[in-house]
Every structure is written in structure tokens, then in C-alpha cells.
Amino acid sequence: MITLRVTRHDRNEQLLAECMSSVIPARGEVLQLDTVEGDGSMSRPSTMWRIIAVTMHVPSIKSATPLVGEPLRVRTVEVSVLPDVSLLPALHHAAEEVLAESRM
């Protein structure tokens, strides 16, 4: 398991999420960030983010062996994201359909 840290790249580098993960996302993929309650239910709508950079924190060969006796390994991966603008035309079209239906 690694610590996956998701940071918004524009504006002021805002931390959006941090959790344990067994997967490493790739640049170009879309992350769906969910806000959930303690019981697992959704508390807000999900947001979609496009990954623009992935940074793996890899210990160099000169690193000391951890005191707990584990081998050196990647512990943290940071991904930089921007709002997924590829979804905006679809969202705009859906909003127009709702407005058209309400005018009838």
C-alpha cells in the first residue's frame, strides 16, 4: 500500500484527497473524487479530475534501511489534477436539455 495524494494543480496547489491505495494512476486518466459519510453514503456529488502529472517518491540507493526492518519502497505517490474539461460539453448539453424540457 502507498499513500496517494491528490493535489489541484491550478490556483494555489490545493490538497483534494489523501488515502492509502494499492494502485498508481497514470497521467491522462480521470479520477472521480467522492465525498462520503462515516457510514459510506455519499454526502456530495462526485467531481471528475484529469491527472496531468504523477510523482513517485522513490528512495535512492543511498537511503538508510528503515528502523522497522522493512525494505526500502515507494511509500508516497502524488498526482496533480485539473478539472476534467472534456466533460463540460456533455454537462452543458444535459443542462440545455433540462432547460428545454422546463420551458414546455
Protein backbone atom coordinates (compact mmCIF):
# COMPACT_ATOMS: atom_id res chain seq x y z
CA MET A 1 0.00 0.00 0.00
CA ILE A 2 1.10 3.54 -0.75
CA THR A 3 -0.15 6.95 0.29
CA LEU A 4 -1.91 8.53 -2.70
CA ARG A 5 -2.04 12.31 -2.51
CA VAL A 6 -4.22 14.27 -5.00
CA THR A 7 -3.42 17.96 -5.47
CA ARG A 8 -5.23 20.52 -7.64
CA HIS A 9 -2.57 21.95 -9.96
CA ASP A 10 -4.08 25.34 -10.83
CA ARG A 11 -4.50 28.26 -8.47
CA ASN A 12 -2.81 27.54 -5.15
CA GLU A 13 -1.95 23.80 -5.17
CA GLN A 14 -4.93 22.74 -3.03
CA LEU A 15 -4.82 19.24 -1.48
CA LEU A 16 -8.03 17.47 -2.56
CA ALA A 17 -7.54 13.96 -1.19
CA GLU A 18 -5.10 11.69 0.60
CA CYS A 19 -5.63 7.99 1.22
CA MET A 20 -3.99 4.58 1.18
CA SER A 21 -4.03 2.91 -2.24
CA SER A 22 -2.81 -0.27 -3.88
CA VAL A 23 -2.92 1.29 -7.36
CA ILE A 24 -0.91 4.04 -9.02
CA PRO A 25 -2.92 6.13 -11.50
CA ALA A 26 -1.39 7.27 -14.78
CA ARG A 27 -1.20 10.68 -16.43
CA GLY A 28 -4.25 11.27 -18.64
CA GLU A 29 -6.62 9.17 -16.56
CA VAL A 30 -9.66 10.67 -14.85
CA LEU A 31 -10.14 10.45 -11.09
CA GLN A 32 -13.61 10.55 -9.58
CA LEU A 33 -13.43 12.09 -6.12
CA ASP A 34 -16.27 11.07 -3.82
CA THR A 35 -17.16 12.72 -0.52
CA VAL A 36 -18.61 10.07 1.79
CA GLU A 37 -20.03 9.95 5.28
CA GLY A 38 -18.79 7.60 8.02
CA ASP A 39 -21.40 5.02 7.03
CA GLY A 40 -20.21 5.06 3.38
CA SER A 41 -23.11 7.07 1.95
CA MET A 42 -22.40 9.92 -0.46
CA SER A 43 -22.65 13.35 1.12
CA ARG A 44 -21.94 15.43 -2.01
CA PRO A 45 -21.89 14.85 -5.76
CA SER A 46 -18.69 13.34 -7.14
CA THR A 47 -16.20 15.52 -9.01
CA MET A 48 -14.11 14.48 -12.02
CA TRP A 49 -10.42 15.41 -12.31
CA ARG A 50 -7.92 14.79 -15.13
CA ILE A 51 -4.46 13.65 -13.98
CA ILE A 52 -1.75 15.84 -15.51
CA ALA A 53 1.29 14.63 -13.55
CA VAL A 54 2.31 11.67 -11.38
CA THR A 55 5.23 11.95 -8.94
CA MET A 56 6.56 8.83 -7.23
CA HIS A 57 8.76 9.38 -4.17
CA VAL A 58 11.42 6.70 -4.67
CA PRO A 59 14.15 6.21 -2.03
CA SER A 60 17.63 6.50 -3.53
CA ILE A 61 20.23 3.77 -3.23
CA LYS A 62 21.95 5.87 -0.54
CA SER A 63 18.88 5.79 1.71
CA ALA A 64 19.16 4.11 5.09
CA THR A 65 17.19 0.94 5.78
CA PRO A 66 14.04 1.79 7.78
CA LEU A 67 14.33 1.14 11.54
CA VAL A 68 11.35 -1.23 11.48
CA GLY A 69 13.30 -3.60 9.24
CA GLU A 70 11.12 -3.25 6.13
CA PRO A 71 12.83 -2.95 2.75
CA LEU A 72 13.08 0.40 1.01
CA ARG A 73 9.99 1.03 -1.10
CA VAL A 74 7.79 3.70 -2.65
CA ARG A 75 5.55 4.98 0.12
CA THR A 76 4.01 8.11 -1.43
CA VAL A 77 2.67 8.93 -4.90
CA GLU A 78 1.43 12.44 -5.67
CA VAL A 79 -0.87 13.20 -8.58
CA SER A 80 -1.59 16.70 -9.87
CA VAL A 81 -5.04 17.19 -11.35
CA LEU A 82 -7.16 19.77 -13.14
CA PRO A 83 -10.96 19.79 -13.50
CA ASP A 84 -11.84 17.42 -16.36
CA VAL A 85 -12.94 19.90 -19.04
CA SER A 86 -13.64 17.10 -21.52
CA LEU A 87 -16.87 16.55 -19.59
CA LEU A 88 -18.00 20.19 -19.83
CA PRO A 89 -19.65 19.93 -23.29
CA ALA A 90 -21.68 16.91 -22.15
CA LEU A 91 -22.70 18.68 -18.94
CA HIS A 92 -23.62 21.82 -20.88
CA HIS A 93 -25.73 19.76 -23.32
CA ALA A 94 -27.52 17.98 -20.45
CA ALA A 95 -28.27 21.34 -18.79
CA GLU A 96 -29.70 22.67 -22.06
CA GLU A 97 -31.99 19.63 -22.33
CA VAL A 98 -33.28 20.20 -18.80
CA LEU A 99 -33.97 23.87 -19.59
CA ALA A 100 -35.72 22.95 -22.84
CA GLU A 101 -37.96 20.47 -21.00
CA SER A 102 -38.83 23.03 -18.33
CA ARG A 103 -39.94 25.55 -20.99
CA MET A 104 -42.56 23.14 -22.37
